[in-house]
Amino acid sequence: MTIHIKECTLEDLHELQEVSYETFRETFKDQNSPENMGAYLTKAFNLEQLAQELSHPFSRFFFVYVHDETAGYLKVNTDEAQSEEMGEESLEIERIYIKSSFQGHGLGKYLLNKAIEMAMERNKRKVWLGVWEENEKAIAFYKKMGFVQTGAHSFYMGDEEQTDLIMTKVL
């Protein structure tokens, strides 16, 4: 299996929107109402919002490809781009999604290791992320990769308040 990563640019905006919709919907559609799912997708992944995120100097997106097919993506934030105030010593993994047809092939670990490598290159001491408390598969994966729960915060799926666990790995 040939795997490679490419950093996203504004030229990738439409592809990023497409993979964002697909992977988020695949991951969460069965646990959320169509109305809340639609509201969230429209707010989080509209072209203007994604363009702002792609242009932010402290946010970076990466596609992961398998045999030149987009299999998923990673978004990392540092400094003031982090969704919680975690300080300059931290790197946030805000999004890490793999298309369902590519899951089970180590791509999540591949992207997670890319984020850890970036953190170490920038002399960060911690990598952290938020994961929905009901996403047991992801929580088990992060624990296996050395993350521990260090807190929680609210996440809104449409008008429904949900809880994301904050998980941290000290480097």
N, C-alpha and C. Protein backbone atom coordinates (compact mmCIF):
# COMPACT_ATOMS: atom_id res chain seq x y z
N MET A 1 0.85 -1.18 0.00
CA MET A 1 0.00 0.00 0.00
C MET A 1 0.90 1.24 0.00
N THR A 2 0.74 2.09 -1.00
CA THR A 2 1.51 3.32 -1.11
C THR A 2 0.76 4.45 -0.40
N ILE A 3 1.38 5.00 0.65
CA ILE A 3 0.76 6.06 1.45
C ILE A 3 1.64 7.30 1.36
N HIS A 4 1.03 8.46 1.17
CA HIS A 4 1.78 9.71 1.28
C HIS A 4 0.87 10.82 1.80
N ILE A 5 1.51 11.86 2.32
CA ILE A 5 0.83 13.01 2.91
C ILE A 5 1.17 14.24 2.09
N LYS A 6 0.18 15.11 1.95
CA LYS A 6 0.39 16.38 1.26
C LYS A 6 -0.27 17.48 2.08
N GLU A 7 0.44 18.58 2.29
CA GLU A 7 -0.17 19.71 2.98
C GLU A 7 -1.19 20.37 2.06
N CYS A 8 -2.32 20.74 2.63
CA CYS A 8 -3.39 21.37 1.86
C CYS A 8 -3.12 22.86 1.70
N THR A 9 -3.56 23.39 0.57
CA THR A 9 -3.51 24.83 0.30
C THR A 9 -4.92 25.27 -0.10
N LEU A 10 -5.08 26.56 -0.34
CA LEU A 10 -6.39 27.06 -0.78
C LEU A 10 -6.84 26.41 -2.08
N GLU A 11 -5.90 25.96 -2.89
CA GLU A 11 -6.26 25.26 -4.13
C GLU A 11 -6.99 23.94 -3.85
N ASP A 12 -6.84 23.42 -2.64
CA ASP A 12 -7.48 22.15 -2.25
C ASP A 12 -8.82 22.36 -1.55
N LEU A 13 -9.31 23.58 -1.55
CA LEU A 13 -10.50 23.94 -0.76
C LEU A 13 -11.69 23.02 -1.04
N HIS A 14 -12.02 22.80 -2.29
CA HIS A 14 -13.20 21.99 -2.62
C HIS A 14 -12.99 20.52 -2.23
N GLU A 15 -11.79 20.01 -2.44
CA GLU A 15 -11.51 18.63 -2.04
C GLU A 15 -11.58 18.49 -0.52
N LEU A 16 -11.07 19.50 0.20
CA LEU A 16 -11.14 19.48 1.66
C LEU A 16 -12.59 19.49 2.13
N GLN A 17 -13.42 20.30 1.50
CA GLN A 17 -14.83 20.33 1.88
C GLN A 17 -15.47 18.96 1.64
N GLU A 18 -15.19 18.37 0.50
CA GLU A 18 -15.77 17.07 0.16
C GLU A 18 -15.37 15.99 1.16
N VAL A 19 -14.08 15.90 1.48
CA VAL A 19 -13.63 14.86 2.41
C VAL A 19 -14.10 15.16 3.83
N SER A 20 -14.23 16.44 4.18
CA SER A 20 -14.73 16.81 5.50
C SER A 20 -16.18 16.37 5.67
N TYR A 21 -17.02 16.70 4.68
CA TYR A 21 -18.41 16.26 4.72
C TYR A 21 -18.50 14.74 4.83
N GLU A 22 -17.80 14.06 3.93
CA GLU A 22 -17.91 12.60 3.87
C GLU A 22 -17.48 11.92 5.16
N THR A 23 -16.32 12.30 5.68
CA THR A 23 -15.81 11.61 6.86
C THR A 23 -16.60 11.95 8.12
N PHE A 24 -17.02 13.21 8.25
CA PHE A 24 -17.80 13.59 9.43
C PHE A 24 -19.15 12.88 9.41
N ARG A 25 -19.79 12.88 8.26
CA ARG A 25 -21.09 12.22 8.12
C ARG A 25 -20.96 10.72 8.43
N GLU A 26 -19.94 10.07 7.86
CA GLU A 26 -19.74 8.64 8.10
C GLU A 26 -19.54 8.35 9.59
N THR A 27 -18.82 9.21 10.26
CA THR A 27 -18.46 8.99 11.65
C THR A 27 -19.64 9.21 12.61
N PHE A 28 -20.47 10.21 12.34
CA PHE A 28 -21.44 10.64 13.35
C PHE A 28 -22.91 10.59 12.94
N LYS A 29 -23.24 10.23 11.71
CA LYS A 29 -24.64 10.33 11.26
C LYS A 29 -25.58 9.40 12.03
N ASP A 30 -25.09 8.26 12.46
CA ASP A 30 -25.98 7.31 13.13
C ASP A 30 -26.32 7.72 14.57
N GLN A 31 -25.55 8.62 15.16
CA GLN A 31 -25.77 9.03 16.54
C GLN A 31 -26.38 10.42 16.67
N ASN A 32 -26.69 11.07 15.55
CA ASN A 32 -27.19 12.44 15.61
C ASN A 32 -28.36 12.61 14.64
N SER A 33 -29.24 13.55 14.97
CA SER A 33 -30.40 13.79 14.10
C SER A 33 -29.93 14.39 12.78
N PRO A 34 -30.67 14.15 11.71
CA PRO A 34 -30.33 14.75 10.42
C PRO A 34 -30.30 16.28 10.48
N GLU A 35 -31.18 16.87 11.30
CA GLU A 35 -31.22 18.33 11.41
C GLU A 35 -29.94 18.86 12.05
N ASN A 36 -29.52 18.25 13.16
CA ASN A 36 -28.30 18.70 13.83
C ASN A 36 -27.07 18.42 12.98
N MET A 37 -27.06 17.29 12.30
CA MET A 37 -25.94 16.97 11.41
C MET A 37 -25.85 18.00 10.29
N GLY A 38 -26.98 18.30 9.67
CA GLY A 38 -26.99 19.28 8.58
C GLY A 38 -26.55 20.66 9.04
N ALA A 39 -27.03 21.08 10.20
CA ALA A 39 -26.66 22.39 10.74
C ALA A 39 -25.15 22.45 11.00
N TYR A 40 -24.61 21.39 11.58
CA TYR A 40 -23.18 21.39 11.87
C TYR A 40 -22.35 21.40 10.58
N LEU A 41 -22.69 20.54 9.64
CA LEU A 41 -21.93 20.47 8.39
C LEU A 41 -21.94 21.82 7.67
N THR A 42 -23.10 22.46 7.65
CA THR A 42 -23.22 23.76 6.97
C THR A 42 -22.36 24.82 7.65
N LYS A 43 -22.33 24.80 8.98
CA LYS A 43 -21.55 25.80 9.72
C LYS A 43 -20.05 25.52 9.66
N ALA A 44 -19.66 24.28 9.89
CA ALA A 44 -18.24 23.96 10.05
C ALA A 44 -17.49 23.81 8.73
N PHE A 45 -18.17 23.38 7.68
CA PHE A 45 -17.46 23.02 6.46
C PHE A 45 -17.90 23.81 5.24
N ASN A 46 -18.48 25.01 5.45
CA ASN A 46 -18.76 25.84 4.27
C ASN A 46 -17.44 26.37 3.74
N LEU A 47 -17.43 26.74 2.47
CA LEU A 47 -16.17 27.13 1.81
C LEU A 47 -15.51 28.33 2.47
N GLU A 48 -16.29 29.31 2.90
CA GLU A 48 -15.72 30.49 3.56
C GLU A 48 -15.02 30.11 4.86
N GLN A 49 -15.68 29.27 5.67
CA GLN A 49 -15.10 28.84 6.94
C GLN A 49 -13.80 28.06 6.71
N LEU A 50 -13.84 27.11 5.78
CA LEU A 50 -12.63 26.31 5.50
C LEU A 50 -11.51 27.17 4.94
N ALA A 51 -11.84 28.16 4.11
CA ALA A 51 -10.81 29.05 3.56
C ALA A 51 -10.15 29.85 4.69
N GLN A 52 -10.95 30.32 5.65
CA GLN A 52 -10.38 31.04 6.80
C GLN A 52 -9.43 30.13 7.58
N GLU A 53 -9.85 28.90 7.81
CA GLU A 53 -9.02 27.97 8.57
C GLU A 53 -7.74 27.64 7.81
N LEU A 54 -7.86 27.42 6.51
CA LEU A 54 -6.66 27.11 5.70
C LEU A 54 -5.68 28.28 5.67
N SER A 55 -6.19 29.49 5.78
CA SER A 55 -5.35 30.68 5.71
C SER A 55 -4.76 31.09 7.05
N HIS A 56 -5.21 30.48 8.13
CA HIS A 56 -4.72 30.87 9.45
C HIS A 56 -3.25 30.45 9.59
N PRO A 57 -2.39 31.38 10.03
CA PRO A 57 -0.95 31.06 10.09
C PRO A 57 -0.57 29.98 11.10
N PHE A 58 -1.46 29.66 12.05
CA PHE A 58 -1.13 28.66 13.06
C PHE A 58 -1.97 27.38 12.93
N SER A 59 -2.62 27.22 11.78
CA SER A 59 -3.37 25.99 11.47
C SER A 59 -2.81 25.38 10.19
N ARG A 60 -2.75 24.05 10.17
CA ARG A 60 -2.28 23.35 8.97
C ARG A 60 -3.14 22.12 8.75
N PHE A 61 -3.44 21.88 7.48
CA PHE A 61 -4.21 20.72 7.06
C PHE A 61 -3.34 19.82 6.19
N PHE A 62 -3.56 18.52 6.29
CA PHE A 62 -2.84 17.55 5.47
C PHE A 62 -3.81 16.48 4.98
N PHE A 63 -3.70 16.14 3.70
CA PHE A 63 -4.41 14.99 3.16
C PHE A 63 -3.50 13.78 3.27
N VAL A 64 -4.10 12.62 3.53
CA VAL A 64 -3.36 11.37 3.42
C VAL A 64 -3.95 10.64 2.22
N TYR A 65 -3.05 10.14 1.39
CA TYR A 65 -3.44 9.44 0.16
C TYR A 65 -3.01 7.99 0.22
N VAL A 66 -3.83 7.14 -0.34
CA VAL A 66 -3.48 5.74 -0.56
C VAL A 66 -3.60 5.52 -2.06
N HIS A 67 -2.49 5.14 -2.69
CA HIS A 67 -2.48 4.96 -4.15
C HIS A 67 -3.11 6.16 -4.84
N ASP A 68 -2.75 7.36 -4.44
CA ASP A 68 -3.20 8.63 -5.03
C ASP A 68 -4.69 8.92 -4.84
N GLU A 69 -5.38 8.18 -3.98
CA GLU A 69 -6.77 8.46 -3.65
C GLU A 69 -6.82 9.08 -2.25
N THR A 70 -7.56 10.17 -2.11
CA THR A 70 -7.68 10.82 -0.80
C THR A 70 -8.38 9.87 0.17
N ALA A 71 -7.68 9.55 1.26
CA ALA A 71 -8.21 8.60 2.24
C ALA A 71 -8.65 9.28 3.53
N GLY A 72 -8.21 10.51 3.76
CA GLY A 72 -8.56 11.21 4.98
C GLY A 72 -7.76 12.48 5.12
N TYR A 73 -7.85 13.09 6.30
CA TYR A 73 -7.11 14.34 6.52
C TYR A 73 -6.86 14.59 8.00
N LEU A 74 -5.96 15.53 8.22
CA LEU A 74 -5.52 15.94 9.55
C LEU A 74 -5.52 17.45 9.60
N LYS A 75 -5.99 18.02 10.72
CA LYS A 75 -5.86 19.45 10.97
C LYS A 75 -5.19 19.63 12.33
N VAL A 76 -4.11 20.42 12.35
CA VAL A 76 -3.43 20.73 13.61
C VAL A 76 -3.40 22.24 13.82
N ASN A 77 -3.40 22.63 15.09
CA ASN A 77 -3.36 24.03 15.49
C ASN A 77 -2.29 24.24 16.55
N THR A 78 -1.65 25.39 16.49
CA THR A 78 -0.73 25.80 17.55
C THR A 78 -1.11 27.22 17.97
N ASP A 79 -0.49 27.64 19.05
CA ASP A 79 -0.62 29.00 19.56
C ASP A 79 -2.10 29.43 19.62
N GLU A 80 -2.43 30.63 19.11
CA GLU A 80 -3.80 31.12 19.27
C GLU A 80 -4.83 30.42 18.39
N ALA A 81 -4.42 29.56 17.49
CA ALA A 81 -5.38 28.81 16.67
C ALA A 81 -6.02 27.65 17.44
N GLN A 82 -5.44 27.28 18.58
CA GLN A 82 -6.00 26.16 19.35
C GLN A 82 -7.43 26.49 19.80
N SER A 83 -8.28 25.49 19.81
CA SER A 83 -9.68 25.71 20.16
C SER A 83 -9.90 25.87 21.67
N GLU A 84 -8.89 25.56 22.46
CA GLU A 84 -8.87 25.81 23.91
C GLU A 84 -7.53 26.46 24.23
N GLU A 85 -7.48 27.26 25.28
CA GLU A 85 -6.22 27.87 25.67
C GLU A 85 -5.37 26.83 26.39
N MET A 86 -4.42 26.26 25.65
CA MET A 86 -3.55 25.23 26.22
C MET A 86 -2.10 25.69 26.28
N GLY A 87 -1.85 26.90 25.83
CA GLY A 87 -0.51 27.45 25.94
C GLY A 87 0.38 27.16 24.74
N GLU A 88 1.50 27.88 24.72
CA GLU A 88 2.43 27.79 23.61
C GLU A 88 3.15 26.45 23.55
N GLU A 89 3.13 25.69 24.63
CA GLU A 89 3.85 24.41 24.66
C GLU A 89 3.03 23.27 24.06
N SER A 90 1.82 23.58 23.55
CA SER A 90 0.92 22.54 23.07
C SER A 90 0.62 22.64 21.58
N LEU A 91 0.36 21.48 21.00
CA LEU A 91 -0.15 21.37 19.64
C LEU A 91 -1.47 20.63 19.72
N GLU A 92 -2.49 21.16 19.07
CA GLU A 92 -3.81 20.54 19.06
C GLU A 92 -4.03 19.77 17.76
N ILE A 93 -4.53 18.57 17.90
CA ILE A 93 -5.05 17.83 16.75
C ILE A 93 -6.55 18.13 16.76
N GLU A 94 -6.98 19.04 15.90
CA GLU A 94 -8.40 19.42 15.91
C GLU A 94 -9.25 18.42 15.13
N ARG A 95 -8.70 17.92 14.03
CA ARG A 95 -9.45 16.94 13.22
C ARG A 95 -8.49 15.88 12.71
N ILE A 96 -8.94 14.65 12.81
CA ILE A 96 -8.22 13.53 12.22
C ILE A 96 -9.30 12.54 11.79
N TYR A 97 -9.52 12.47 10.49
CA TYR A 97 -10.60 11.64 9.94
C TYR A 97 -10.09 10.80 8.79
N ILE A 98 -10.53 9.55 8.78
CA ILE A 98 -10.21 8.60 7.72
C ILE A 98 -11.53 8.11 7.13
N LYS A 99 -11.62 8.09 5.81
CA LYS A 99 -12.82 7.54 5.17
C LYS A 99 -13.03 6.10 5.63
N SER A 100 -14.28 5.72 5.80
CA SER A 100 -14.58 4.38 6.32
C SER A 100 -13.97 3.28 5.46
N SER A 101 -13.90 3.49 4.15
CA SER A 101 -13.34 2.46 3.26
C SER A 101 -11.84 2.27 3.43
N PHE A 102 -11.18 3.20 4.15
CA PHE A 102 -9.74 3.11 4.38
C PHE A 102 -9.39 2.84 5.84
N GLN A 103 -10.39 2.69 6.69
CA GLN A 103 -10.11 2.45 8.10
C GLN A 103 -9.56 1.04 8.31
N GLY A 104 -8.77 0.91 9.36
CA GLY A 104 -8.20 -0.40 9.68
C GLY A 104 -6.88 -0.68 8.99
N HIS A 105 -6.29 0.34 8.36
CA HIS A 105 -5.02 0.16 7.64
C HIS A 105 -3.88 0.97 8.24
N GLY A 106 -4.09 1.52 9.44
CA GLY A 106 -3.03 2.26 10.11
C GLY A 106 -2.91 3.71 9.71
N LEU A 107 -3.87 4.24 8.95
CA LEU A 107 -3.76 5.63 8.49
C LEU A 107 -3.97 6.63 9.62
N GLY A 108 -4.83 6.31 10.58
CA GLY A 108 -5.01 7.20 11.73
C GLY A 108 -3.72 7.32 12.52
N LYS A 109 -3.06 6.21 12.71
CA LYS A 109 -1.77 6.21 13.41
C LYS A 109 -0.73 7.00 12.62
N TYR A 110 -0.75 6.85 11.32
CA TYR A 110 0.16 7.56 10.42
C TYR A 110 -0.02 9.08 10.58
N LEU A 111 -1.27 9.54 10.56
CA LEU A 111 -1.54 10.97 10.72
C LEU A 111 -1.23 11.44 12.14
N LEU A 112 -1.55 10.64 13.13
CA LEU A 112 -1.25 11.00 14.51
C LEU A 112 0.26 11.16 14.70
N ASN A 113 1.02 10.25 14.13
CA ASN A 113 2.48 10.35 14.22
C ASN A 113 3.01 11.59 13.49
N LYS A 114 2.36 11.98 12.40
CA LYS A 114 2.73 13.22 11.70
C LYS A 114 2.54 14.41 12.63
N ALA A 115 1.43 14.45 13.35
CA ALA A 115 1.17 15.55 14.29
C ALA A 115 2.20 15.56 15.41
N ILE A 116 2.53 14.41 15.95
CA ILE A 116 3.53 14.32 17.02
C ILE A 116 4.90 14.77 16.51
N GLU A 117 5.24 14.36 15.31
CA GLU A 117 6.51 14.78 14.70
C GLU A 117 6.55 16.30 14.55
N MET A 118 5.43 16.90 14.10
CA MET A 118 5.37 18.35 13.98
C MET A 118 5.53 19.03 15.34
N ALA A 119 4.89 18.48 16.35
CA ALA A 119 5.00 19.05 17.69
C ALA A 119 6.44 19.01 18.17
N MET A 120 7.11 17.89 17.96
CA MET A 120 8.49 17.76 18.42
C MET A 120 9.41 18.72 17.65
N GLU A 121 9.18 18.89 16.36
CA GLU A 121 9.98 19.83 15.57
C GLU A 121 9.83 21.26 16.08
N ARG A 122 8.68 21.57 16.65
CA ARG A 122 8.39 22.92 17.15
C ARG A 122 8.64 23.03 18.66
N ASN A 123 9.28 22.02 19.23
CA ASN A 123 9.61 22.00 20.66
C ASN A 123 8.37 22.11 21.55
N LYS A 124 7.27 21.52 21.12
CA LYS A 124 6.06 21.48 21.94
C LYS A 124 6.22 20.35 22.96
N ARG A 125 5.60 20.50 24.10
CA ARG A 125 5.71 19.49 25.15
C ARG A 125 4.50 18.57 25.23
N LYS A 126 3.39 19.01 24.59
CA LYS A 126 2.15 18.23 24.67
C LYS A 126 1.43 18.25 23.33
N VAL A 127 0.72 17.17 23.06
CA VAL A 127 -0.23 17.10 21.96
C VAL A 127 -1.58 16.78 22.60
N TRP A 128 -2.62 17.48 22.19
CA TRP A 128 -3.93 17.25 22.78
C TRP A 128 -5.01 17.27 21.71
N LEU A 129 -6.17 16.75 22.09
CA LEU A 129 -7.31 16.71 21.17
C LEU A 129 -8.58 16.57 21.97
N GLY A 130 -9.70 16.85 21.32
CA GLY A 130 -11.01 16.62 21.89
C GLY A 130 -11.68 15.49 21.13
N VAL A 131 -12.30 14.57 21.86
CA VAL A 131 -12.98 13.43 21.24
C VAL A 131 -14.32 13.24 21.92
N TRP A 132 -15.38 13.04 21.13
CA TRP A 132 -16.72 12.88 21.68
C TRP A 132 -16.74 11.72 22.65
N GLU A 133 -17.33 11.94 23.81
CA GLU A 133 -17.34 10.94 24.88
C GLU A 133 -18.00 9.63 24.46
N GLU A 134 -18.81 9.64 23.42
CA GLU A 134 -19.47 8.43 22.94
C GLU A 134 -18.73 7.75 21.79
N ASN A 135 -17.62 8.31 21.35
CA ASN A 135 -16.85 7.72 20.26
C ASN A 135 -15.82 6.76 20.86
N GLU A 136 -16.32 5.61 21.31
CA GLU A 136 -15.49 4.64 22.04
C GLU A 136 -14.33 4.11 21.21
N LYS A 137 -14.54 3.92 19.93
CA LYS A 137 -13.49 3.42 19.06
C LYS A 137 -12.30 4.40 19.02
N ALA A 138 -12.61 5.69 18.87
CA ALA A 138 -11.55 6.70 18.84
C ALA A 138 -10.87 6.83 20.19
N ILE A 139 -11.64 6.81 21.27
CA ILE A 139 -11.06 6.92 22.61
C ILE A 139 -10.09 5.76 22.87
N ALA A 140 -10.49 4.57 22.50
CA ALA A 140 -9.61 3.40 22.67
C ALA A 140 -8.33 3.56 21.85
N PHE A 141 -8.45 4.06 20.64
CA PHE A 141 -7.28 4.30 19.78
C PHE A 141 -6.34 5.30 20.43
N TYR A 142 -6.87 6.42 20.90
CA TYR A 142 -6.01 7.45 21.50
C TYR A 142 -5.33 6.94 22.76
N LYS A 143 -6.06 6.17 23.57
CA LYS A 143 -5.45 5.58 24.77
C LYS A 143 -4.29 4.66 24.38
N LYS A 144 -4.51 3.86 23.36
CA LYS A 144 -3.47 2.95 22.87
C LYS A 144 -2.23 3.73 22.40
N MET A 145 -2.47 4.94 21.90
CA MET A 145 -1.37 5.78 21.40
C MET A 145 -0.75 6.65 22.50
N GLY A 146 -1.16 6.43 23.76
CA GLY A 146 -0.51 7.12 24.87
C GLY A 146 -1.20 8.37 25.36
N PHE A 147 -2.41 8.65 24.91
CA PHE A 147 -3.15 9.81 25.37
C PHE A 147 -3.93 9.45 26.64
N VAL A 148 -4.08 10.43 27.53
CA VAL A 148 -4.88 10.25 28.73
C VAL A 148 -5.89 11.40 28.82
N GLN A 149 -7.03 11.12 29.44
CA GLN A 149 -8.03 12.17 29.60
C GLN A 149 -7.54 13.18 30.62
N THR A 150 -7.61 14.47 30.24
CA THR A 150 -7.16 15.54 31.14
C THR A 150 -8.24 16.58 31.37
N GLY A 151 -9.41 16.38 30.76
CA GLY A 151 -10.48 17.35 30.95
C GLY A 151 -11.63 17.04 30.02
N ALA A 152 -12.53 18.03 29.87
CA ALA A 152 -13.68 17.90 28.98
C ALA A 152 -14.14 19.30 28.61
N HIS A 153 -14.83 19.40 27.48
CA HIS A 153 -15.45 20.67 27.10
C HIS A 153 -16.70 20.40 26.27
N SER A 154 -17.52 21.43 26.13
CA SER A 154 -18.76 21.30 25.36
C SER A 154 -18.48 21.42 23.87
N PHE A 155 -19.27 20.67 23.11
CA PHE A 155 -19.22 20.69 21.66
C PHE A 155 -20.67 20.75 21.20
N TYR A 156 -20.98 21.62 20.24
CA TYR A 156 -22.36 21.73 19.79
C TYR A 156 -22.54 21.10 18.42
N MET A 157 -23.44 20.12 18.38
CA MET A 157 -23.85 19.49 17.13
C MET A 157 -25.22 20.06 16.83
N GLY A 158 -25.23 21.09 15.97
CA GLY A 158 -26.48 21.82 15.77
C GLY A 158 -26.86 22.48 17.08
N ASP A 159 -28.07 22.19 17.58
CA ASP A 159 -28.50 22.80 18.84
C ASP A 159 -28.31 21.87 20.04
N GLU A 160 -27.66 20.73 19.82
CA GLU A 160 -27.45 19.77 20.91
C GLU A 160 -26.05 19.91 21.51
N GLU A 161 -26.02 20.15 22.82
CA GLU A 161 -24.74 20.22 23.52
C GLU A 161 -24.25 18.81 23.81
N GLN A 162 -23.03 18.53 23.41
CA GLN A 162 -22.40 17.24 23.66
C GLN A 162 -21.10 17.49 24.42
N THR A 163 -20.51 16.42 24.95
CA THR A 163 -19.26 16.55 25.70
C THR A 163 -18.12 15.88 24.95
N ASP A 164 -17.07 16.63 24.75
CA ASP A 164 -15.83 16.10 24.21
C ASP A 164 -14.86 15.91 25.36
N LEU A 165 -14.22 14.76 25.41
CA LEU A 165 -13.15 14.53 26.36
C LEU A 165 -11.90 15.16 25.81
N ILE A 166 -11.15 15.85 26.65
CA ILE A 166 -9.85 16.37 26.25
C ILE A 166 -8.83 15.32 26.63
N MET A 167 -8.06 14.87 25.64
CA MET A 167 -7.04 13.85 25.87
C MET A 167 -5.68 14.44 25.48
N THR A 168 -4.68 14.16 26.28
CA THR A 168 -3.37 14.76 26.12
C THR A 168 -2.28 13.69 26.14
N LYS A 169 -1.27 13.92 25.35
CA LYS A 169 -0.07 13.07 25.37
C LYS A 169 1.11 14.00 25.64
N VAL A 170 1.86 13.70 26.69
CA VAL A 170 3.06 14.47 27.01
C VAL A 170 4.20 13.88 26.21
N LEU A 171 4.95 14.75 25.55
CA LEU A 171 6.06 14.28 24.70
C LEU A 171 7.37 14.20 25.48
